[in-house]
Amino acid sequence: MTEKTFLTIAAAIFGIVAVVHLVRILTGWSVVIDGWTVPMWVSWVGLIVTGGLSYYGAKLAKLI
């Protein structure tokens, strides 16, 4: 696997995760893990982090 392929796939996966976080924020989905309700701010952090990783991964893939 080339570096460009890796970066493209990673950027796509991070982009999908970012979209899922955004959908959770917009629709108000609740996430419960073993009885613990995950706060909505976790999705805000997840959206920023995964969105940034997706953006920079795509940007790096384009440079290579």
Foldseek 3Di string as FASTA:
>chain_A
DDLLVVLQVLLVVLVVQLVVLVVCLVVVDWDADPNDTDDNVVSVVSNVVSNVSSVVSNVVSVVD
